[in-house]
């Protein structure tokens, strides 16, 4: 099972840079970068909530389930 974080796609669609999002949601740039590059092993609901509020999206817009083959 793989969960992909599509933060990079949403940022491009919204025309927002990672540094702007970092300041708006008060999450460090390195932590957001880990999410953006799909290197995160977990995400707090409070982090997911803050990102969704700022980007006006649903958690399902950010997270994608990729079944194993």
Protein backbone atom coordinates (compact mmCIF):
# COMPACT_ATOMS: atom_id res chain seq x y z
CA UNK A 1 0.00 0.00 0.00
CA UNK A 2 1.24 3.44 -0.90
CA UNK A 3 -0.27 6.79 -0.03
CA UNK A 4 0.84 9.59 -2.33
CA UNK A 5 0.71 13.22 -1.19
CA UNK A 6 -0.28 15.46 -4.10
CA UNK A 7 0.69 18.72 -2.42
CA UNK A 8 2.92 19.73 -5.32
CA UNK A 9 0.06 19.41 -7.82
CA UNK A 10 -2.30 21.48 -5.70
CA UNK A 11 0.30 24.19 -5.19
CA UNK A 12 0.84 24.46 -8.95
CA UNK A 13 -2.91 24.60 -9.60
CA UNK A 14 -3.33 27.33 -6.99
CA UNK A 15 -0.20 29.23 -8.04
CA UNK A 16 1.17 29.14 -4.50
CA UNK A 17 4.79 28.59 -3.55
CA UNK A 18 5.79 26.29 -0.71
CA UNK A 19 7.28 29.22 1.22
CA UNK A 20 3.95 31.08 1.04
CA UNK A 21 2.07 28.04 2.33
CA UNK A 22 4.61 27.58 5.10
CA UNK A 23 4.04 31.11 6.38
CA UNK A 24 0.26 30.88 6.04
CA UNK A 25 -0.15 27.61 7.94
CA UNK A 26 2.76 28.06 10.38
CA UNK A 27 4.43 24.79 9.39
CA UNK A 28 8.15 24.74 8.77
CA UNK A 29 9.39 24.71 5.21
CA UNK A 30 11.40 21.49 5.75
CA UNK A 31 8.29 19.68 7.05
CA UNK A 32 6.19 20.83 4.10
CA UNK A 33 9.00 19.84 1.75
CA UNK A 34 8.94 16.31 3.19
CA UNK A 35 5.22 16.14 2.43
CA UNK A 36 5.66 17.61 -1.04
CA UNK A 37 8.34 15.10 -2.01
CA UNK A 38 6.36 12.11 -0.65
CA UNK A 39 8.99 11.28 1.97
CA UNK A 40 6.59 11.61 4.92
CA UNK A 41 5.69 8.49 6.86
CA UNK A 42 2.79 10.18 8.70
CA UNK A 43 0.82 13.40 8.86
CA UNK A 44 -1.01 14.91 11.81
CA UNK A 45 -4.67 15.72 11.38
CA UNK A 46 -3.95 19.26 12.59
CA UNK A 47 -1.40 19.67 9.78
CA UNK A 48 -3.80 18.24 7.22
CA UNK A 49 -6.54 20.54 8.54
CA UNK A 50 -4.34 23.65 8.28
CA UNK A 51 -3.23 22.82 4.73
CA UNK A 52 -6.79 22.07 3.58
CA UNK A 53 -8.08 25.32 5.10
CA UNK A 54 -5.40 27.40 3.41
CA UNK A 55 -5.65 25.68 0.02
CA UNK A 56 -9.44 25.37 0.17
CA UNK A 57 -9.36 21.67 -0.61
CA UNK A 58 -10.39 18.32 0.83
CA UNK A 59 -8.01 15.74 2.35
CA UNK A 60 -8.82 13.49 -0.61
CA UNK A 61 -7.43 16.16 -2.93
CA UNK A 62 -4.09 15.90 -1.13
CA UNK A 63 -3.91 12.17 -0.45
CA UNK A 64 -4.12 9.41 -3.05
CA UNK A 65 -4.14 5.67 -2.39
CA UNK A 66 -2.02 3.62 -4.80
CA UNK A 67 -2.71 -0.14 -4.46
CA UNK A 68 0.18 -2.58 -4.59
CA UNK A 69 0.47 -4.66 -7.72
